[in-house]
Amino acid sequence: MAPEQESEPGVPSPVSWGPSREEWVRAYVLSSSVEDKLAPPAPPSQWRPADSSRLAGPGRDGSLTISERADRVPKAGALREASAVGRLLHVFTHHEIQAAELCGWALLAFPDTPTAFRDGLFGILQDEVRHAASYAERLVTLGSPYGTHSVRDWFWERTLACQTPLQYIALMGLGFEGGN
């Protein structure tokens, strides 16, 4: 799924963060560096006119194991164990990363939306990055850093079919976020 993967496992593909928000967003989505996903550089403040760009998928670090099926989520009673909490927070971390990437995907796919819409979506992208970083920080304290467990790009698999901003917002807001 990822259009720009690493040439070698553990060696991220270089991305150019650029001077515009569009270029920054593209770099965020396509970066294969876990560090970029959790702590990207400060974003520019300006939008620049851009053509629509529908990315085929995100960059993924070669150290991540991508799974076709999701691992079973620990049952509530199992959450007394640090390892079960770590598995669950790993899932949450990857969900947050996907949410940030997909906000970026929508910003690039629908550049003709009003500036207020793009600013709002960009703010959500930044919130999702902060959430992912918070989960990842907790994973380290549990001895189960992000990348310890396999990940599934379930949200990406469903979102690429969105053809309009309204479809995207309905899917993300009502389908994914509302499902939490």
N, C-alpha and C. Protein backbone atom coordinates (compact mmCIF):
# COMPACT_ATOMS: atom_id res chain seq x y z
N MET A 1 0.82 -1.19 0.00
CA MET A 1 0.00 0.00 0.00
C MET A 1 0.86 1.25 0.00
N ALA A 2 1.96 1.25 0.70
CA ALA A 2 2.76 2.46 0.82
C ALA A 2 3.51 2.75 -0.47
N PRO A 3 3.35 3.95 -1.02
CA PRO A 3 3.98 4.27 -2.28
C PRO A 3 5.48 4.48 -2.19
N GLU A 4 5.96 4.97 -1.05
CA GLU A 4 7.39 5.20 -0.90
C GLU A 4 7.86 4.47 0.34
N GLN A 5 8.38 3.27 0.13
CA GLN A 5 8.89 2.48 1.24
C GLN A 5 10.38 2.67 1.35
N GLU A 6 10.95 2.09 2.36
CA GLU A 6 12.37 2.19 2.58
C GLU A 6 13.13 1.32 1.60
N SER A 7 14.35 1.74 1.28
CA SER A 7 15.20 0.93 0.43
C SER A 7 15.76 -0.24 1.24
N GLU A 8 15.99 -0.02 2.53
CA GLU A 8 16.45 -1.07 3.43
C GLU A 8 15.63 -0.95 4.71
N PRO A 9 15.34 -2.09 5.36
CA PRO A 9 14.61 -2.00 6.64
C PRO A 9 15.37 -1.11 7.62
N GLY A 10 14.64 -0.24 8.29
CA GLY A 10 15.21 0.64 9.29
C GLY A 10 15.83 1.91 8.74
N VAL A 11 15.88 2.08 7.42
CA VAL A 11 16.43 3.29 6.81
C VAL A 11 15.28 4.04 6.14
N PRO A 12 14.77 5.10 6.79
CA PRO A 12 13.60 5.80 6.24
C PRO A 12 13.88 6.44 4.88
N SER A 13 12.84 6.47 4.05
CA SER A 13 12.92 7.17 2.78
C SER A 13 12.97 8.66 3.06
N PRO A 14 13.83 9.39 2.37
CA PRO A 14 13.89 10.83 2.60
C PRO A 14 12.64 11.53 2.06
N VAL A 15 12.17 12.52 2.78
CA VAL A 15 11.06 13.33 2.32
C VAL A 15 11.46 14.79 2.44
N SER A 16 10.84 15.64 1.63
CA SER A 16 11.10 17.07 1.68
C SER A 16 9.91 17.75 2.33
N TRP A 17 10.16 18.41 3.47
CA TRP A 17 9.06 19.01 4.22
C TRP A 17 8.56 20.29 3.58
N GLY A 18 9.33 20.97 2.79
CA GLY A 18 8.85 22.11 1.99
C GLY A 18 8.33 23.29 2.78
N PRO A 19 8.15 24.43 2.07
CA PRO A 19 7.75 25.67 2.73
C PRO A 19 6.23 25.88 2.85
N SER A 20 5.42 25.04 2.23
CA SER A 20 3.97 25.22 2.32
C SER A 20 3.34 24.10 3.14
N ARG A 21 2.14 24.34 3.61
CA ARG A 21 1.44 23.30 4.35
C ARG A 21 1.20 22.07 3.48
N GLU A 22 0.89 22.27 2.21
CA GLU A 22 0.66 21.13 1.32
C GLU A 22 1.90 20.24 1.24
N GLU A 23 3.06 20.87 1.10
CA GLU A 23 4.30 20.09 1.02
C GLU A 23 4.61 19.40 2.35
N TRP A 24 4.34 20.09 3.45
CA TRP A 24 4.53 19.51 4.77
C TRP A 24 3.62 18.29 4.95
N VAL A 25 2.35 18.45 4.57
CA VAL A 25 1.38 17.36 4.70
C VAL A 25 1.81 16.16 3.85
N ARG A 26 2.22 16.41 2.62
CA ARG A 26 2.68 15.33 1.74
C ARG A 26 3.86 14.60 2.40
N ALA A 27 4.81 15.35 2.95
CA ALA A 27 5.97 14.74 3.60
C ALA A 27 5.53 13.91 4.80
N TYR A 28 4.57 14.43 5.57
CA TYR A 28 4.10 13.67 6.74
C TYR A 28 3.50 12.34 6.31
N VAL A 29 2.62 12.37 5.35
CA VAL A 29 1.94 11.14 4.92
C VAL A 29 2.94 10.15 4.32
N LEU A 30 3.84 10.63 3.48
CA LEU A 30 4.75 9.73 2.76
C LEU A 30 5.98 9.33 3.56
N SER A 31 6.29 10.03 4.63
CA SER A 31 7.47 9.67 5.41
C SER A 31 7.34 8.23 5.92
N SER A 32 8.44 7.51 5.87
CA SER A 32 8.45 6.15 6.41
C SER A 32 9.16 6.11 7.76
N SER A 33 9.39 7.26 8.35
CA SER A 33 10.07 7.35 9.64
C SER A 33 9.05 7.42 10.78
N VAL A 34 9.16 6.50 11.72
CA VAL A 34 8.29 6.54 12.90
C VAL A 34 8.49 7.86 13.64
N GLU A 35 9.72 8.34 13.70
CA GLU A 35 10.00 9.60 14.38
C GLU A 35 9.23 10.75 13.72
N ASP A 36 9.18 10.76 12.38
CA ASP A 36 8.42 11.79 11.68
C ASP A 36 6.93 11.70 11.98
N LYS A 37 6.42 10.49 12.12
CA LYS A 37 4.99 10.31 12.38
C LYS A 37 4.62 10.80 13.79
N LEU A 38 5.56 10.63 14.73
CA LEU A 38 5.27 10.99 16.13
C LEU A 38 5.74 12.39 16.52
N ALA A 39 6.73 12.91 15.82
CA ALA A 39 7.27 14.24 16.15
C ALA A 39 7.76 14.92 14.88
N PRO A 40 6.84 15.28 13.99
CA PRO A 40 7.26 15.94 12.75
C PRO A 40 7.79 17.34 13.03
N PRO A 41 8.54 17.91 12.08
CA PRO A 41 9.00 19.28 12.28
C PRO A 41 7.82 20.25 12.32
N ALA A 42 8.06 21.42 12.86
CA ALA A 42 7.01 22.45 12.93
C ALA A 42 6.48 22.73 11.53
N PRO A 43 5.16 22.84 11.41
CA PRO A 43 4.59 23.06 10.07
C PRO A 43 4.62 24.53 9.66
N PRO A 44 4.63 24.78 8.36
CA PRO A 44 4.49 26.16 7.88
C PRO A 44 3.09 26.68 8.18
N SER A 45 2.93 27.98 8.09
CA SER A 45 1.62 28.57 8.40
C SER A 45 0.79 28.86 7.15
N GLN A 46 1.39 28.76 5.98
CA GLN A 46 0.70 29.19 4.76
C GLN A 46 0.30 28.02 3.86
N TRP A 47 -0.91 28.16 3.30
CA TRP A 47 -1.35 27.26 2.24
C TRP A 47 -0.90 27.86 0.90
N ARG A 48 -0.64 27.01 -0.05
CA ARG A 48 -0.35 27.46 -1.41
C ARG A 48 -1.31 26.73 -2.33
N PRO A 49 -1.75 27.38 -3.38
CA PRO A 49 -2.63 26.69 -4.33
C PRO A 49 -1.95 25.41 -4.83
N ALA A 50 -2.72 24.35 -4.88
CA ALA A 50 -2.17 23.07 -5.31
C ALA A 50 -3.22 22.29 -6.08
N ASP A 51 -2.75 21.43 -6.97
CA ASP A 51 -3.65 20.52 -7.66
C ASP A 51 -4.02 19.38 -6.73
N SER A 52 -5.13 18.75 -7.02
CA SER A 52 -5.55 17.59 -6.25
C SER A 52 -4.53 16.47 -6.40
N SER A 53 -4.26 15.80 -5.30
CA SER A 53 -3.30 14.70 -5.30
C SER A 53 -3.86 13.60 -4.41
N ARG A 54 -4.21 12.49 -5.00
CA ARG A 54 -4.77 11.37 -4.24
C ARG A 54 -3.68 10.33 -4.02
N LEU A 55 -3.06 10.40 -2.84
CA LEU A 55 -1.99 9.47 -2.51
C LEU A 55 -2.55 8.06 -2.37
N ALA A 56 -1.77 7.09 -2.80
CA ALA A 56 -2.21 5.69 -2.78
C ALA A 56 -2.07 5.05 -1.40
N GLY A 57 -1.28 5.66 -0.54
CA GLY A 57 -1.08 5.10 0.78
C GLY A 57 0.04 5.82 1.49
N PRO A 58 0.26 5.46 2.75
CA PRO A 58 1.28 6.14 3.55
C PRO A 58 2.64 5.49 3.43
N GLY A 59 3.66 6.22 3.85
CA GLY A 59 4.97 5.61 4.04
C GLY A 59 4.93 4.82 5.33
N ARG A 60 5.63 3.71 5.35
CA ARG A 60 5.71 2.88 6.56
C ARG A 60 7.15 2.49 6.82
N ASP A 61 7.56 2.59 8.06
CA ASP A 61 8.88 2.19 8.48
C ASP A 61 9.05 0.70 8.22
N GLY A 62 10.19 0.31 7.69
CA GLY A 62 10.45 -1.09 7.38
C GLY A 62 10.49 -1.99 8.60
N SER A 63 10.63 -1.40 9.78
CA SER A 63 10.65 -2.21 11.00
C SER A 63 9.23 -2.60 11.44
N LEU A 64 8.21 -1.94 10.87
CA LEU A 64 6.83 -2.28 11.22
C LEU A 64 6.39 -3.54 10.46
N THR A 65 5.69 -4.40 11.15
CA THR A 65 5.11 -5.57 10.52
C THR A 65 3.67 -5.22 10.16
N ILE A 66 3.37 -5.20 8.85
CA ILE A 66 2.02 -4.89 8.39
C ILE A 66 1.25 -6.20 8.30
N SER A 67 0.08 -6.21 8.91
CA SER A 67 -0.73 -7.42 8.98
C SER A 67 -1.98 -7.27 8.11
N GLU A 68 -2.38 -8.35 7.49
CA GLU A 68 -3.62 -8.36 6.71
C GLU A 68 -4.84 -8.48 7.63
N ARG A 69 -4.65 -9.06 8.78
CA ARG A 69 -5.72 -9.22 9.76
C ARG A 69 -5.25 -8.60 11.08
N ALA A 70 -6.20 -8.00 11.76
CA ALA A 70 -5.87 -7.39 13.05
C ALA A 70 -5.63 -8.47 14.09
N ASP A 71 -4.67 -8.21 14.98
CA ASP A 71 -4.47 -9.09 16.13
C ASP A 71 -5.67 -8.91 17.05
N ARG A 72 -5.95 -9.92 17.82
CA ARG A 72 -7.04 -9.80 18.78
C ARG A 72 -6.70 -8.76 19.83
N VAL A 73 -7.69 -7.93 20.14
CA VAL A 73 -7.53 -6.91 21.18
C VAL A 73 -7.73 -7.59 22.53
N PRO A 74 -6.88 -7.28 23.51
CA PRO A 74 -7.03 -7.90 24.83
C PRO A 74 -8.41 -7.62 25.44
N LYS A 75 -8.92 -8.59 26.12
CA LYS A 75 -10.20 -8.44 26.84
C LYS A 75 -9.99 -7.55 28.06
N ALA A 76 -11.08 -6.95 28.53
CA ALA A 76 -10.99 -6.01 29.66
C ALA A 76 -10.28 -6.61 30.86
N GLY A 77 -10.57 -7.84 31.20
CA GLY A 77 -9.94 -8.47 32.37
C GLY A 77 -8.44 -8.64 32.23
N ALA A 78 -7.97 -8.73 31.00
CA ALA A 78 -6.53 -8.92 30.75
C ALA A 78 -5.74 -7.63 30.95
N LEU A 79 -6.44 -6.50 31.05
CA LEU A 79 -5.74 -5.22 31.12
C LEU A 79 -5.07 -4.95 32.46
N ARG A 80 -5.07 -5.95 33.33
CA ARG A 80 -4.29 -5.84 34.56
C ARG A 80 -2.81 -6.08 34.27
N GLU A 81 -2.55 -6.71 33.13
CA GLU A 81 -1.18 -7.03 32.73
C GLU A 81 -0.61 -5.92 31.85
N ALA A 82 0.61 -5.49 32.14
CA ALA A 82 1.25 -4.44 31.35
C ALA A 82 1.36 -4.83 29.88
N SER A 83 1.60 -6.11 29.61
CA SER A 83 1.75 -6.54 28.21
C SER A 83 0.44 -6.38 27.44
N ALA A 84 -0.69 -6.63 28.09
CA ALA A 84 -1.99 -6.47 27.43
C ALA A 84 -2.30 -4.99 27.21
N VAL A 85 -1.97 -4.17 28.20
CA VAL A 85 -2.16 -2.72 28.04
C VAL A 85 -1.29 -2.23 26.88
N GLY A 86 -0.07 -2.72 26.81
CA GLY A 86 0.83 -2.36 25.72
C GLY A 86 0.27 -2.74 24.36
N ARG A 87 -0.29 -3.95 24.25
CA ARG A 87 -0.88 -4.37 22.96
C ARG A 87 -2.03 -3.45 22.58
N LEU A 88 -2.89 -3.11 23.55
CA LEU A 88 -4.03 -2.25 23.26
C LEU A 88 -3.58 -0.83 22.89
N LEU A 89 -2.64 -0.27 23.64
CA LEU A 89 -2.15 1.07 23.33
C LEU A 89 -1.40 1.10 21.99
N HIS A 90 -0.81 0.00 21.61
CA HIS A 90 -0.15 -0.10 20.30
C HIS A 90 -1.19 0.08 19.20
N VAL A 91 -2.33 -0.58 19.36
CA VAL A 91 -3.44 -0.43 18.39
C VAL A 91 -3.89 1.03 18.35
N PHE A 92 -4.08 1.63 19.52
CA PHE A 92 -4.52 3.03 19.58
C PHE A 92 -3.51 3.95 18.91
N THR A 93 -2.23 3.70 19.16
CA THR A 93 -1.19 4.54 18.56
C THR A 93 -1.28 4.50 17.05
N HIS A 94 -1.42 3.30 16.50
CA HIS A 94 -1.48 3.18 15.04
C HIS A 94 -2.77 3.81 14.50
N HIS A 95 -3.86 3.70 15.23
CA HIS A 95 -5.10 4.37 14.81
C HIS A 95 -4.90 5.87 14.73
N GLU A 96 -4.23 6.45 15.71
CA GLU A 96 -3.99 7.89 15.72
C GLU A 96 -3.08 8.31 14.57
N ILE A 97 -2.05 7.51 14.30
CA ILE A 97 -1.17 7.81 13.17
C ILE A 97 -1.96 7.77 11.86
N GLN A 98 -2.79 6.74 11.68
CA GLN A 98 -3.62 6.67 10.47
C GLN A 98 -4.57 7.86 10.38
N ALA A 99 -5.15 8.26 11.50
CA ALA A 99 -6.07 9.40 11.48
C ALA A 99 -5.34 10.66 11.03
N ALA A 100 -4.13 10.88 11.53
CA ALA A 100 -3.34 12.05 11.11
C ALA A 100 -3.02 11.96 9.62
N GLU A 101 -2.55 10.81 9.19
CA GLU A 101 -2.21 10.63 7.78
C GLU A 101 -3.42 10.85 6.88
N LEU A 102 -4.56 10.37 7.31
CA LEU A 102 -5.76 10.49 6.47
C LEU A 102 -6.32 11.90 6.46
N CYS A 103 -6.09 12.66 7.52
CA CYS A 103 -6.40 14.09 7.44
C CYS A 103 -5.53 14.72 6.36
N GLY A 104 -4.25 14.35 6.36
CA GLY A 104 -3.34 14.84 5.33
C GLY A 104 -3.76 14.39 3.94
N TRP A 105 -4.15 13.14 3.82
CA TRP A 105 -4.63 12.62 2.54
C TRP A 105 -5.78 13.47 2.02
N ALA A 106 -6.74 13.76 2.90
CA ALA A 106 -7.91 14.55 2.48
C ALA A 106 -7.51 15.98 2.11
N LEU A 107 -6.57 16.56 2.83
CA LEU A 107 -6.12 17.92 2.49
C LEU A 107 -5.51 17.96 1.09
N LEU A 108 -4.80 16.90 0.72
CA LEU A 108 -4.20 16.85 -0.61
C LEU A 108 -5.21 16.45 -1.68
N ALA A 109 -6.15 15.59 -1.33
CA ALA A 109 -7.15 15.11 -2.29
C ALA A 109 -8.19 16.18 -2.62
N PHE A 110 -8.48 17.06 -1.65
CA PHE A 110 -9.54 18.05 -1.82
C PHE A 110 -9.02 19.47 -1.56
N PRO A 111 -8.09 19.95 -2.39
CA PRO A 111 -7.47 21.26 -2.12
C PRO A 111 -8.39 22.45 -2.39
N ASP A 112 -9.53 22.23 -3.03
CA ASP A 112 -10.43 23.33 -3.34
C ASP A 112 -11.44 23.61 -2.24
N THR A 113 -11.32 22.92 -1.12
CA THR A 113 -12.23 23.18 0.00
C THR A 113 -11.91 24.55 0.60
N PRO A 114 -12.86 25.15 1.31
CA PRO A 114 -12.62 26.46 1.92
C PRO A 114 -11.44 26.43 2.90
N THR A 115 -10.76 27.55 3.02
CA THR A 115 -9.60 27.65 3.91
C THR A 115 -9.96 27.26 5.33
N ALA A 116 -11.13 27.66 5.80
CA ALA A 116 -11.54 27.31 7.17
C ALA A 116 -11.63 25.79 7.34
N PHE A 117 -12.11 25.09 6.33
CA PHE A 117 -12.18 23.62 6.37
C PHE A 117 -10.76 23.05 6.45
N ARG A 118 -9.87 23.55 5.59
CA ARG A 118 -8.50 23.03 5.57
C ARG A 118 -7.78 23.34 6.88
N ASP A 119 -7.98 24.56 7.41
CA ASP A 119 -7.37 24.91 8.70
C ASP A 119 -7.87 23.97 9.80
N GLY A 120 -9.16 23.70 9.81
CA GLY A 120 -9.73 22.81 10.81
C GLY A 120 -9.19 21.40 10.69
N LEU A 121 -9.12 20.89 9.47
CA LEU A 121 -8.61 19.54 9.25
C LEU A 121 -7.12 19.46 9.61
N PHE A 122 -6.39 20.52 9.31
CA PHE A 122 -4.97 20.56 9.66
C PHE A 122 -4.80 20.57 11.18
N GLY A 123 -5.67 21.27 11.89
CA GLY A 123 -5.64 21.26 13.35
C GLY A 123 -5.92 19.87 13.90
N ILE A 124 -6.87 19.17 13.28
CA ILE A 124 -7.17 17.80 13.71
C ILE A 124 -5.96 16.90 13.45
N LEU A 125 -5.32 17.06 12.30
CA LEU A 125 -4.11 16.29 12.00
C LEU A 125 -3.10 16.48 13.12
N GLN A 126 -2.86 17.71 13.53
CA GLN A 126 -1.89 17.98 14.59
C GLN A 126 -2.33 17.37 15.93
N ASP A 127 -3.63 17.41 16.21
CA ASP A 127 -4.14 16.76 17.43
C ASP A 127 -3.88 15.27 17.40
N GLU A 128 -4.12 14.64 16.26
CA GLU A 128 -3.92 13.20 16.14
C GLU A 128 -2.45 12.83 16.31
N VAL A 129 -1.55 13.67 15.80
CA VAL A 129 -0.11 13.44 16.00
C VAL A 129 0.22 13.50 17.49
N ARG A 130 -0.32 14.49 18.20
CA ARG A 130 -0.08 14.60 19.65
C ARG A 130 -0.62 13.38 20.38
N HIS A 131 -1.81 12.92 20.00
CA HIS A 131 -2.37 11.73 20.64
C HIS A 131 -1.47 10.52 20.42
N ALA A 132 -1.03 10.32 19.17
CA ALA A 132 -0.15 9.18 18.85
C ALA A 132 1.14 9.27 19.66
N ALA A 133 1.71 10.46 19.75
CA ALA A 133 2.97 10.63 20.50
C ALA A 133 2.76 10.32 21.99
N SER A 134 1.62 10.72 22.54
CA SER A 134 1.33 10.42 23.95
C SER A 134 1.21 8.93 24.18
N TYR A 135 0.49 8.24 23.31
CA TYR A 135 0.38 6.78 23.42
C TYR A 135 1.75 6.14 23.28
N ALA A 136 2.54 6.59 22.29
CA ALA A 136 3.85 5.99 22.06
C ALA A 136 4.76 6.18 23.26
N GLU A 137 4.67 7.34 23.90
CA GLU A 137 5.47 7.59 25.10
C GLU A 137 5.10 6.61 26.21
N ARG A 138 3.82 6.37 26.38
CA ARG A 138 3.36 5.41 27.40
C ARG A 138 3.81 3.99 27.04
N LEU A 139 3.80 3.66 25.75
CA LEU A 139 4.25 2.33 25.33
C LEU A 139 5.70 2.08 25.76
N VAL A 140 6.53 3.10 25.64
CA VAL A 140 7.93 2.96 26.04
C VAL A 140 8.01 2.62 27.53
N THR A 141 7.21 3.30 28.36
CA THR A 141 7.26 3.04 29.80
C THR A 141 6.75 1.64 30.13
N LEU A 142 5.92 1.09 29.26
CA LEU A 142 5.41 -0.28 29.46
C LEU A 142 6.37 -1.33 28.90
N GLY A 143 7.45 -0.88 28.28
CA GLY A 143 8.42 -1.82 27.71
C GLY A 143 7.98 -2.42 26.39
N SER A 144 7.07 -1.73 25.72
CA SER A 144 6.51 -2.25 24.47
C SER A 144 6.42 -1.11 23.45
N PRO A 145 7.58 -0.57 22.99
CA PRO A 145 7.54 0.60 22.11
C PRO A 145 6.77 0.35 20.81
N TYR A 146 6.31 1.45 20.23
CA TYR A 146 5.58 1.35 18.96
C TYR A 146 6.44 0.60 17.95
N GLY A 147 5.84 -0.39 17.32
CA GLY A 147 6.54 -1.25 16.37
C GLY A 147 6.77 -2.64 16.94
N THR A 148 6.51 -2.81 18.23
CA THR A 148 6.67 -4.12 18.87
C THR A 148 5.64 -5.11 18.34
N HIS A 149 4.46 -4.62 18.04
CA HIS A 149 3.37 -5.47 17.56
C HIS A 149 3.07 -5.12 16.10
N SER A 150 2.41 -6.02 15.42
CA SER A 150 2.05 -5.75 14.02
C SER A 150 0.98 -4.67 13.96
N VAL A 151 0.86 -4.05 12.80
CA VAL A 151 -0.13 -3.00 12.57
C VAL A 151 -0.96 -3.36 11.33
N ARG A 152 -2.12 -2.79 11.28
CA ARG A 152 -2.98 -2.98 10.11
C ARG A 152 -3.48 -1.61 9.68
N ASP A 153 -3.42 -1.34 8.39
CA ASP A 153 -3.87 -0.06 7.84
C ASP A 153 -5.35 -0.11 7.46
N TRP A 154 -6.16 -0.52 8.40
CA TRP A 154 -7.59 -0.73 8.19
C TRP A 154 -8.29 0.55 7.75
N PHE A 155 -7.95 1.67 8.38
CA PHE A 155 -8.60 2.94 8.01
C PHE A 155 -8.22 3.36 6.59
N TRP A 156 -6.95 3.17 6.23
CA TRP A 156 -6.52 3.49 4.87
C TRP A 156 -7.28 2.64 3.85
N GLU A 157 -7.46 1.37 4.15
CA GLU A 157 -8.13 0.46 3.22
C GLU A 157 -9.55 0.94 2.90
N ARG A 158 -10.18 1.64 3.80
CA ARG A 158 -11.56 2.07 3.61
C ARG A 158 -11.69 3.50 3.11
N THR A 159 -10.74 4.34 3.43
CA THR A 159 -10.86 5.77 3.15
C THR A 159 -10.56 6.12 1.69
N LEU A 160 -9.71 5.36 1.04
CA LEU A 160 -9.32 5.70 -0.33
C LEU A 160 -10.49 5.75 -1.30
N ALA A 161 -11.61 5.14 -0.95
CA ALA A 161 -12.80 5.16 -1.81
C ALA A 161 -13.55 6.48 -1.75
N CYS A 162 -13.24 7.34 -0.80
CA CYS A 162 -13.95 8.62 -0.67
C CYS A 162 -13.65 9.50 -1.89
N GLN A 163 -14.71 9.98 -2.52
CA GLN A 163 -14.57 10.81 -3.72
C GLN A 163 -14.83 12.29 -3.47
N THR A 164 -15.40 12.62 -2.32
CA THR A 164 -15.72 14.02 -2.01
C THR A 164 -15.35 14.32 -0.56
N PRO A 165 -15.18 15.60 -0.24
CA PRO A 165 -14.92 15.95 1.17
C PRO A 165 -16.04 15.48 2.09
N LEU A 166 -17.28 15.55 1.63
CA LEU A 166 -18.41 15.11 2.45
C LEU A 166 -18.32 13.62 2.75
N GLN A 167 -17.97 12.82 1.76
CA GLN A 167 -17.79 11.38 2.01
C GLN A 167 -16.69 11.13 3.03
N TYR A 168 -15.60 11.88 2.89
CA TYR A 168 -14.48 11.72 3.83
C TYR A 168 -14.92 12.06 5.25
N ILE A 169 -15.56 13.21 5.42
CA ILE A 169 -15.99 13.65 6.76
C ILE A 169 -17.01 12.67 7.34
N ALA A 170 -17.93 12.20 6.52
CA ALA A 170 -18.92 11.24 7.01
C ALA A 170 -18.24 9.95 7.48
N LEU A 171 -17.31 9.45 6.69
CA LEU A 171 -16.62 8.21 7.05
C LEU A 171 -15.77 8.40 8.30
N MET A 172 -14.95 9.44 8.31
CA MET A 172 -14.05 9.64 9.45
C MET A 172 -14.82 10.04 10.71
N GLY A 173 -15.70 11.02 10.58
CA GLY A 173 -16.39 11.55 11.75
C GLY A 173 -17.47 10.62 12.30
N LEU A 174 -18.30 10.13 11.42
CA LEU A 174 -19.40 9.28 11.87
C LEU A 174 -19.02 7.82 11.92
N GLY A 175 -18.24 7.39 10.95
CA GLY A 175 -17.88 5.97 10.89
C GLY A 175 -16.79 5.58 11.85
N PHE A 176 -15.65 6.25 11.77
CA PHE A 176 -14.50 5.85 12.58
C PHE A 176 -14.51 6.48 13.96
N GLU A 177 -14.53 7.80 14.03
CA GLU A 177 -14.49 8.47 15.34
C GLU A 177 -15.75 8.19 16.14
N GLY A 178 -16.89 8.20 15.47
CA GLY A 178 -18.15 7.90 16.17
C GLY A 178 -18.21 6.48 16.68
N GLY A 179 -17.47 5.59 16.03
CA GLY A 179 -17.44 4.19 16.44
C GLY A 179 -16.62 3.97 17.70
N ASN A 180 -15.79 4.95 18.04
CA ASN A 180 -14.98 4.80 19.26
C ASN A 180 -15.87 5.06 20.44
